[in-house]
């Protein structure tokens, strides 16, 4: 599902809201998650999962075209860990 499909589905399920308002809500949620991660904070959505930032150390990599060794700088990368409820639903385990 892409962002526009999510907006469309939410607008259909909430006919009392204008589509432009649903779009603003979805964009605000994504922006807040992005900004929190940029500040190095963890974002947890109960039952869904948690977003966090992990640091990758600098290393020596390889250019796949030439085989030449290249230095890869240290960088921050987003990380997502699924919540138990989502993991169980994906594996067909019903909640008791």
Protein backbone atom coordinates (compact mmCIF):
# COMPACT_ATOMS: atom_id res chain seq x y z
CA UNK A 1 0.00 0.00 0.00
CA UNK A 2 1.32 3.42 -0.89
CA UNK A 3 0.56 6.73 0.82
CA UNK A 4 -2.16 7.76 -1.67
CA UNK A 5 -3.92 4.40 -1.24
CA UNK A 6 -3.80 4.79 2.54
CA UNK A 7 -5.30 8.28 2.27
CA UNK A 8 -8.02 7.02 -0.09
CA UNK A 9 -8.92 4.09 2.21
CA UNK A 10 -9.09 6.30 5.30
CA UNK A 11 -11.23 8.86 3.45
CA UNK A 12 -13.64 6.10 2.34
CA UNK A 13 -13.90 4.72 5.88
CA UNK A 14 -14.49 8.21 7.33
CA UNK A 15 -16.98 9.92 5.00
CA UNK A 16 -17.49 12.73 7.54
CA UNK A 17 -13.91 13.92 6.82
CA UNK A 18 -12.79 15.71 3.67
CA UNK A 19 -10.09 13.93 1.70
CA UNK A 20 -7.79 16.96 2.03
CA UNK A 21 -8.12 16.71 5.84
CA UNK A 22 -7.29 12.99 5.80
CA UNK A 23 -4.28 13.76 3.61
CA UNK A 24 -3.14 16.46 6.06
CA UNK A 25 -3.52 14.03 9.00
CA UNK A 26 -1.53 11.26 7.29
CA UNK A 27 1.21 13.68 6.20
CA UNK A 28 1.43 15.13 9.71
CA UNK A 29 1.84 11.67 11.25
CA UNK A 30 4.63 10.75 8.82
CA UNK A 31 6.33 14.13 9.34
CA UNK A 32 6.24 13.75 13.13
CA UNK A 33 7.72 10.23 12.92
CA UNK A 34 10.44 11.49 10.57
CA UNK A 35 11.28 14.47 12.77
CA UNK A 36 11.43 12.32 15.93
CA UNK A 37 13.81 9.89 14.21
CA UNK A 38 15.94 12.80 12.97
CA UNK A 39 16.27 13.89 16.62
CA UNK A 40 17.40 10.36 17.50
CA UNK A 41 14.18 9.50 19.33
CA UNK A 42 12.32 6.20 19.25
CA UNK A 43 8.72 6.09 17.97
CA UNK A 44 6.48 3.28 19.25
CA UNK A 45 3.05 2.53 17.84
CA UNK A 46 1.52 -0.01 20.25
CA UNK A 47 0.44 -3.22 18.55
CA UNK A 48 2.21 -2.22 15.33
CA UNK A 49 5.90 -1.73 16.04
CA UNK A 50 8.69 0.65 16.88
CA UNK A 51 10.88 2.86 14.71
CA UNK A 52 14.36 3.72 15.90
CA UNK A 53 17.70 4.89 14.53
CA UNK A 54 20.78 2.70 14.46
CA UNK A 55 24.32 3.87 13.82
CA UNK A 56 26.36 2.00 11.23
CA UNK A 57 30.11 2.19 11.74
CA UNK A 58 32.44 3.41 9.02
CA UNK A 59 33.85 0.52 6.97
CA UNK A 60 35.66 -0.42 3.81
CA UNK A 61 33.20 -1.48 1.10
CA UNK A 62 33.56 -2.60 -2.49
CA UNK A 63 32.35 -0.94 -5.67
CA UNK A 64 30.33 -3.73 -7.35
CA UNK A 65 31.13 -2.44 -10.87
CA UNK A 66 34.88 -2.11 -10.55
CA UNK A 67 35.69 -4.24 -7.51
CA UNK A 68 37.62 -1.27 -6.14
CA UNK A 69 37.71 -0.77 -2.36
CA UNK A 70 35.89 2.35 -1.17
CA UNK A 71 35.51 3.95 2.23
CA UNK A 72 31.91 4.00 3.49
CA UNK A 73 31.32 6.72 6.08
CA UNK A 74 29.52 6.18 9.38
CA UNK A 75 25.80 6.79 9.01
CA UNK A 76 22.46 6.66 10.79
CA UNK A 77 19.83 4.29 9.35
CA UNK A 78 16.16 3.84 10.25
CA UNK A 79 15.18 0.53 11.86
CA UNK A 80 11.72 -0.98 12.38
CA UNK A 81 10.87 -3.74 14.83
CA UNK A 82 7.39 -5.25 14.56
CA UNK A 83 5.16 -5.38 17.60
CA UNK A 84 3.86 -8.67 18.98
CA UNK A 85 0.28 -8.08 17.80
CA UNK A 86 1.38 -7.42 14.20
CA UNK A 87 3.78 -10.38 14.22
CA UNK A 88 1.03 -12.69 15.53
CA UNK A 89 -1.47 -11.51 12.90
CA UNK A 90 1.07 -12.06 10.13
CA UNK A 91 1.60 -15.61 11.37
CA UNK A 92 -2.11 -16.36 11.70
CA UNK A 93 -2.10 -16.47 15.49
CA UNK A 94 -5.37 -15.15 16.91
CA UNK A 95 -5.38 -13.09 20.08
CA UNK A 96 -7.06 -14.77 23.04
